[in-house]
Amino acid sequence: MIHTPSRRALACAVACLGFVLLIALGARVDVAVPGSPVPQSLQTLAVLAAGVALGSRWGAAAAALYVLAGAAGLPVFADGASGLSVLTGPTAGYLAGFVLAAGLVGALSDDLPKGRWGRQIVTALGLALAGHVLILALGWGALALRLGPAAALSAGVLPFLWGMAVKSTIVAVAAPVLLGLRQRLNI
């Protein structure tokens, strides 16, 4: 564990930036989804892992810094996109959902059972699914303003349910390790 406040803050900041990088790398693994303006990527996996590993405040900070980096012009979004136009485009709701989901999962993962890997994994699966549902709900809402509710559901939610299940399972299996990082950082 890191004990002094300045060393702890520095370690948390470095971990936060590490998760910003992981989210950006997750955006590089994207698959076009037929009939959808939104690609399937590994961003949400990294966003939710940040919430579990860094807690509410630092997890949300990692997601927010990622969004801000892209808005500032760094090519960190899917397909190497960047700029403010992405924040008003088809993926805007999903990006807003990243910040809220990382914070939610971070806050709720504070109560994950300590030392019981099986219970941690099952509980973390529920949290990761909830985080994905929040991201998809906000993405659907923003997309519905452009396409209408039914078309947004078909293009922006339904094609992503399989990815939600797979990525939530990965976050859940990794939860004991992610919680170990949080304990080491003393967050």
C-alpha atoms as a PDB file:
ATOM      1  CA  MET A   1       0.000   0.000   0.000  1.00  0.00           C
ATOM      2  CA  ILE A   2       1.067   3.546  -0.658  1.00  0.00           C
ATOM      3  CA  HIS A   3       1.016   5.547   2.545  1.00  0.00           C
ATOM      4  CA  THR A   4       2.037   9.178   2.090  1.00  0.00           C
ATOM      5  CA  PRO A   5      -0.660  11.425   0.585  1.00  0.00           C
ATOM      6  CA  SER A   6       1.574  12.843  -2.158  1.00  0.00           C
ATOM      7  CA  ARG A   7       2.837   9.397  -3.235  1.00  0.00           C
ATOM      8  CA  ARG A   8      -0.701   8.054  -3.139  1.00  0.00           C
ATOM      9  CA  ALA A   9      -2.008  10.923  -5.278  1.00  0.00           C
ATOM     10  CA  LEU A  10       0.820  10.458  -7.767  1.00  0.00           C
ATOM     11  CA  ALA A  11       0.211   6.707  -7.953  1.00  0.00           C
ATOM     12  CA  CYS A  12      -3.522   7.268  -8.480  1.00  0.00           C
ATOM     13  CA  ALA A  13      -2.850   9.842 -11.199  1.00  0.00           C
ATOM     14  CA  VAL A  14      -0.462   7.479 -12.995  1.00  0.00           C
ATOM     15  CA  ALA A  15      -2.987   4.624 -12.740  1.00  0.00           C
ATOM     16  CA  CYS A  16      -5.703   6.954 -14.020  1.00  0.00           C
ATOM     17  CA  LEU A  17      -3.582   7.909 -17.039  1.00  0.00           C
ATOM     18  CA  GLY A  18      -2.840   4.226 -17.591  1.00  0.00           C
ATOM     19  CA  PHE A  19      -6.559   3.546 -17.855  1.00  0.00           C
ATOM     20  CA  VAL A  20      -6.989   6.503 -20.233  1.00  0.00           C
ATOM     21  CA  LEU A  21      -4.423   4.763 -22.427  1.00  0.00           C
ATOM     22  CA  LEU A  22      -6.228   1.419 -22.081  1.00  0.00           C
ATOM     23  CA  ILE A  23      -9.525   3.011 -23.110  1.00  0.00           C
ATOM     24  CA  ALA A  24      -7.805   4.602 -26.122  1.00  0.00           C
ATOM     25  CA  LEU A  25      -6.230   1.264 -27.055  1.00  0.00           C
ATOM     26  CA  GLY A  26      -9.655  -0.367 -26.675  1.00  0.00           C
ATOM     27  CA  ALA A  27     -10.969   2.091 -29.252  1.00  0.00           C
ATOM     28  CA  ARG A  28      -8.395   0.781 -31.736  1.00  0.00           C
ATOM     29  CA  VAL A  29      -9.996  -2.657 -31.581  1.00  0.00           C
ATOM     30  CA  ASP A  30     -13.207  -1.816 -33.347  1.00  0.00           C
ATOM     31  CA  VAL A  31     -15.485  -3.794 -35.579  1.00  0.00           C
ATOM     32  CA  ALA A  32     -18.009  -2.209 -37.895  1.00  0.00           C
ATOM     33  CA  VAL A  33     -21.535  -3.243 -36.990  1.00  0.00           C
ATOM     34  CA  PRO A  34     -23.720  -3.667 -40.093  1.00  0.00           C
ATOM     35  CA  GLY A  35     -26.577  -1.154 -40.053  1.00  0.00           C
ATOM     36  CA  SER A  36     -25.119   0.884 -37.192  1.00  0.00           C
ATOM     37  CA  PRO A  37     -23.155   4.136 -37.175  1.00  0.00           C
ATOM     38  CA  VAL A  38     -21.515   2.937 -33.937  1.00  0.00           C
ATOM     39  CA  PRO A  39     -18.643   0.414 -33.999  1.00  0.00           C
ATOM     40  CA  GLN A  40     -18.200  -2.420 -31.494  1.00  0.00           C
ATOM     41  CA  SER A  41     -14.959  -1.844 -29.570  1.00  0.00           C
ATOM     42  CA  LEU A  42     -13.185  -2.734 -26.344  1.00  0.00           C
ATOM     43  CA  GLN A  43     -13.584   0.761 -24.888  1.00  0.00           C
ATOM     44  CA  THR A  44     -16.384  -0.192 -22.516  1.00  0.00           C
ATOM     45  CA  LEU A  45     -14.353  -3.087 -21.153  1.00  0.00           C
ATOM     46  CA  ALA A  46     -11.536  -0.661 -20.233  1.00  0.00           C
ATOM     47  CA  VAL A  47     -13.987   1.962 -18.907  1.00  0.00           C
ATOM     48  CA  LEU A  48     -15.651  -0.496 -16.543  1.00  0.00           C
ATOM     49  CA  ALA A  49     -12.306  -2.002 -15.513  1.00  0.00           C
ATOM     50  CA  ALA A  50     -11.205   1.532 -14.610  1.00  0.00           C
ATOM     51  CA  GLY A  51     -14.248   1.898 -12.377  1.00  0.00           C
ATOM     52  CA  VAL A  52     -13.526  -1.360 -10.557  1.00  0.00           C
ATOM     53  CA  ALA A  53      -9.776  -0.726 -10.230  1.00  0.00           C
ATOM     54  CA  LEU A  54      -9.819   2.989  -9.467  1.00  0.00           C
ATOM     55  CA  GLY A  55     -13.121   3.512  -7.688  1.00  0.00           C
ATOM     56  CA  SER A  56     -15.754   6.091  -8.440  1.00  0.00           C
ATOM     57  CA  ARG A  57     -13.750   9.296  -8.494  1.00  0.00           C
ATOM     58  CA  TRP A  58     -10.594   8.107 -10.257  1.00  0.00           C
ATOM     59  CA  GLY A  59     -12.489   5.753 -12.584  1.00  0.00           C
ATOM     60  CA  ALA A  60     -14.790   8.550 -13.737  1.00  0.00           C
ATOM     61  CA  ALA A  61     -11.742  10.807 -14.054  1.00  0.00           C
ATOM     62  CA  ALA A  62     -10.062   8.299 -16.376  1.00  0.00           C
ATOM     63  CA  ALA A  63     -13.151   8.136 -18.599  1.00  0.00           C
ATOM     64  CA  ALA A  64     -13.555  11.927 -18.553  1.00  0.00           C
ATOM     65  CA  LEU A  65      -9.883  12.480 -19.425  1.00  0.00           C
ATOM     66  CA  TYR A  66     -10.269  10.055 -22.312  1.00  0.00           C
ATOM     67  CA  VAL A  67     -13.282  11.972 -23.651  1.00  0.00           C
ATOM     68  CA  LEU A  68     -11.502  15.308 -23.141  1.00  0.00           C
ATOM     69  CA  ALA A  69      -8.374  14.030 -24.927  1.00  0.00           C
ATOM     70  CA  GLY A  70     -10.480  13.069 -27.929  1.00  0.00           C
ATOM     71  CA  ALA A  71     -12.389  16.343 -27.856  1.00  0.00           C
ATOM     72  CA  ALA A  72      -9.080  18.209 -27.760  1.00  0.00           C
ATOM     73  CA  GLY A  73      -8.028  16.566 -31.014  1.00  0.00           C
ATOM     74  CA  LEU A  74      -6.080  13.477 -29.996  1.00  0.00           C
ATOM     75  CA  PRO A  75      -7.116  10.560 -32.245  1.00  0.00           C
ATOM     76  CA  VAL A  76      -8.270   8.330 -29.385  1.00  0.00           C
ATOM     77  CA  PHE A  77     -11.844   7.552 -30.420  1.00  0.00           C
ATOM     78  CA  ALA A  78     -12.870   4.586 -32.584  1.00  0.00           C
ATOM     79  CA  ASP A  79     -11.444   4.717 -36.115  1.00  0.00           C
ATOM     80  CA  GLY A  80      -8.911   7.292 -34.880  1.00  0.00           C
ATOM     81  CA  ALA A  81     -11.599   9.969 -34.749  1.00  0.00           C
ATOM     82  CA  SER A  82     -11.204  13.090 -32.648  1.00  0.00           C
ATOM     83  CA  GLY A  83     -12.557  16.577 -32.143  1.00  0.00           C
ATOM     84  CA  LEU A  84     -15.687  18.183 -30.809  1.00  0.00           C
ATOM     85  CA  SER A  85     -17.761  16.871 -33.713  1.00  0.00           C
ATOM     86  CA  VAL A  86     -17.539  13.365 -32.224  1.00  0.00           C
ATOM     87  CA  LEU A  87     -19.194  14.703 -29.071  1.00  0.00           C
ATOM     88  CA  THR A  88     -22.213  15.759 -31.120  1.00  0.00           C
ATOM     89  CA  GLY A  89     -22.245  12.762 -33.478  1.00  0.00           C
ATOM     90  CA  PRO A  90     -23.823   9.304 -33.241  1.00  0.00           C
ATOM     91  CA  THR A  91     -21.487   8.166 -30.436  1.00  0.00           C
ATOM     92  CA  ALA A  92     -22.016  11.182 -28.156  1.00  0.00           C
ATOM     93  CA  GLY A  93     -24.379   9.437 -25.741  1.00  0.00           C
ATOM     94  CA  TYR A  94     -22.094   6.445 -25.410  1.00  0.00           C
ATOM     95  CA  LEU A  95     -19.134   8.694 -24.601  1.00  0.00           C
ATOM     96  CA  ALA A  96     -21.140  10.494 -21.909  1.00  0.00           C
ATOM     97  CA  GLY A  97     -22.132   7.080 -20.616  1.00  0.00           C
ATOM     98  CA  PHE A  98     -18.462   6.135 -20.220  1.00  0.00           C
ATOM     99  CA  VAL A  99     -17.950   8.726 -17.498  1.00  0.00           C
ATOM    100  CA  LEU A 100     -21.159   7.928 -15.650  1.00  0.00           C
ATOM    101  CA  ALA A 101     -20.699   4.151 -15.905  1.00  0.00           C
ATOM    102  CA  ALA A 102     -17.111   4.253 -14.635  1.00  0.00           C
ATOM    103  CA  GLY A 103     -18.297   6.324 -11.671  1.00  0.00           C
ATOM    104  CA  LEU A 104     -21.271   4.061 -10.987  1.00  0.00           C
ATOM    105  CA  VAL A 105     -19.322   0.824 -11.217  1.00  0.00           C
ATOM    106  CA  GLY A 106     -16.545   2.342  -9.132  1.00  0.00           C
ATOM    107  CA  ALA A 107     -18.954   3.390  -6.409  1.00  0.00           C
ATOM    108  CA  LEU A 108     -20.821   0.096  -6.329  1.00  0.00           C
ATOM    109  CA  SER A 109     -17.661  -2.014  -6.436  1.00  0.00           C
ATOM    110  CA  ASP A 110     -16.622  -0.583  -3.065  1.00  0.00           C
ATOM    111  CA  ASP A 111     -18.894  -3.210  -1.537  1.00  0.00           C
ATOM    112  CA  LEU A 112     -17.633  -6.216  -3.490  1.00  0.00           C
ATOM    113  CA  PRO A 113     -17.071  -9.111  -1.085  1.00  0.00           C
ATOM    114  CA  LYS A 114     -13.468  -9.093   0.120  1.00  0.00           C
ATOM    115  CA  GLY A 115     -11.426 -12.240  -0.231  1.00  0.00           C
ATOM    116  CA  ARG A 116     -14.168 -14.358  -1.822  1.00  0.00           C
ATOM    117  CA  TRP A 117     -13.252 -14.616  -5.467  1.00  0.00           C
ATOM    118  CA  GLY A 118     -16.405 -16.448  -6.542  1.00  0.00           C
ATOM    119  CA  ARG A 119     -18.715 -13.901  -4.963  1.00  0.00           C
ATOM    120  CA  GLN A 120     -16.540 -11.050  -6.239  1.00  0.00           C
ATOM    121  CA  ILE A 121     -16.790 -12.341  -9.780  1.00  0.00           C
ATOM    122  CA  VAL A 122     -20.558 -12.879  -9.679  1.00  0.00           C
ATOM    123  CA  THR A 123     -21.171  -9.471  -8.102  1.00  0.00           C
ATOM    124  CA  ALA A 124     -18.749  -7.788 -10.502  1.00  0.00           C
ATOM    125  CA  LEU A 125     -20.595  -9.389 -13.424  1.00  0.00           C
ATOM    126  CA  GLY A 126     -23.801  -7.716 -12.255  1.00  0.00           C
ATOM    127  CA  LEU A 127     -21.996  -4.383 -11.876  1.00  0.00           C
ATOM    128  CA  ALA A 128     -20.390  -4.621 -15.307  1.00  0.00           C
ATOM    129  CA  LEU A 129     -23.731  -5.478 -16.903  1.00  0.00           C
ATOM    130  CA  ALA A 130     -25.295  -2.479 -15.120  1.00  0.00           C
ATOM    131  CA  GLY A 131     -22.490  -0.241 -16.394  1.00  0.00           C
ATOM    132  CA  HIS A 132     -22.995  -1.483 -19.939  1.00  0.00           C
ATOM    133  CA  VAL A 133     -26.748  -0.979 -19.683  1.00  0.00           C
ATOM    134  CA  LEU A 134     -26.139   2.626 -18.586  1.00  0.00           C
ATOM    135  CA  ILE A 135     -23.787   3.241 -21.518  1.00  0.00           C
ATOM    136  CA  LEU A 136     -26.212   1.654 -23.986  1.00  0.00           C
ATOM    137  CA  ALA A 137     -29.169   3.571 -22.526  1.00  0.00           C
ATOM    138  CA  LEU A 138     -27.425   6.922 -22.898  1.00  0.00           C
ATOM    139  CA  GLY A 139     -26.166   5.960 -26.337  1.00  0.00           C
ATOM    140  CA  TRP A 140     -29.662   4.905 -27.358  1.00  0.00           C
ATOM    141  CA  GLY A 141     -31.129   8.172 -26.049  1.00  0.00           C
ATOM    142  CA  ALA A 142     -28.745  10.352 -28.024  1.00  0.00           C
ATOM    143  CA  LEU A 143     -29.042   8.172 -31.107  1.00  0.00           C
ATOM    144  CA  ALA A 144     -32.853   8.220 -30.827  1.00  0.00           C
ATOM    145  CA  LEU A 145     -32.759  11.999 -31.283  1.00  0.00           C
ATOM    146  CA  ARG A 146     -31.097  11.418 -34.666  1.00  0.00           C
ATOM    147  CA  LEU A 147     -32.776   8.223 -35.877  1.00  0.00           C
ATOM    148  CA  GLY A 148     -35.940   7.823 -33.823  1.00  0.00           C
ATOM    149  CA  PRO A 149     -36.406   5.413 -30.896  1.00  0.00           C
ATOM    150  CA  ALA A 150     -37.010   2.185 -32.844  1.00  0.00           C
ATOM    151  CA  ALA A 151     -34.185   2.729 -35.323  1.00  0.00           C
ATOM    152  CA  ALA A 152     -31.829   3.705 -32.490  1.00  0.00           C
ATOM    153  CA  LEU A 153     -32.702   0.491 -30.660  1.00  0.00           C
ATOM    154  CA  SER A 154     -32.029  -1.582 -33.791  1.00  0.00           C
ATOM    155  CA  ALA A 155     -28.822   0.230 -34.723  1.00  0.00           C
ATOM    156  CA  GLY A 156     -27.419   1.291 -31.376  1.00  0.00           C
ATOM    157  CA  VAL A 157     -28.415  -1.270 -28.748  1.00  0.00           C
ATOM    158  CA  LEU A 158     -29.421  -4.694 -30.043  1.00  0.00           C
ATOM    159  CA  PRO A 159     -26.207  -5.337 -32.050  1.00  0.00           C
ATOM    160  CA  PHE A 160     -24.154  -4.626 -28.937  1.00  0.00           C
ATOM    161  CA  LEU A 161     -25.811  -7.017 -26.491  1.00  0.00           C
ATOM    162  CA  TRP A 162     -23.477  -9.914 -27.284  1.00  0.00           C
ATOM    163  CA  GLY A 163     -20.450  -7.651 -26.769  1.00  0.00           C
ATOM    164  CA  MET A 164     -21.942  -6.417 -23.521  1.00  0.00           C
ATOM    165  CA  ALA A 165     -22.155 -10.002 -22.240  1.00  0.00           C
ATOM    166  CA  VAL A 166     -18.617 -10.936 -23.296  1.00  0.00           C
ATOM    167  CA  LYS A 167     -16.955  -7.746 -22.036  1.00  0.00           C
ATOM    168  CA  SER A 168     -18.895  -7.832 -18.754  1.00  0.00           C
ATOM    169  CA  THR A 169     -17.696 -11.395 -18.202  1.00  0.00           C
ATOM    170  CA  ILE A 170     -14.084 -10.350 -18.805  1.00  0.00           C
ATOM    171  CA  VAL A 171     -14.393  -7.464 -16.324  1.00  0.00           C
ATOM    172  CA  ALA A 172     -15.965  -9.825 -13.783  1.00  0.00           C
ATOM    173  CA  VAL A 173     -13.217 -12.442 -14.116  1.00  0.00           C
ATOM    174  CA  ALA A 174     -10.588  -9.705 -13.807  1.00  0.00           C
ATOM    175  CA  ALA A 175     -12.323  -8.121 -10.792  1.00  0.00           C
ATOM    176  CA  PRO A 176     -10.133  -9.753  -8.118  1.00  0.00           C
ATOM    177  CA  VAL A 177      -7.000  -8.424  -9.839  1.00  0.00           C
ATOM    178  CA  LEU A 178      -8.557  -4.994 -10.413  1.00  0.00           C
ATOM    179  CA  LEU A 179      -9.619  -4.797  -6.774  1.00  0.00           C
ATOM    180  CA  GLY A 180      -6.084  -5.773  -5.786  1.00  0.00           C
ATOM    181  CA  LEU A 181      -4.816  -2.742  -7.690  1.00  0.00           C
ATOM    182  CA  ARG A 182      -7.330  -0.544  -5.914  1.00  0.00           C
ATOM    183  CA  GLN A 183      -6.231  -1.915  -2.552  1.00  0.00           C
ATOM    184  CA  ARG A 184      -2.588  -1.331  -3.436  1.00  0.00           C
ATOM    185  CA  LEU A 185      -3.366   2.269  -4.411  1.00  0.00           C
ATOM    186  CA  ASN A 186      -5.386   2.608  -1.192  1.00  0.00           C
ATOM    187  CA  ILE A 187      -8.323   4.212  -2.978  1.00  0.00           C
END
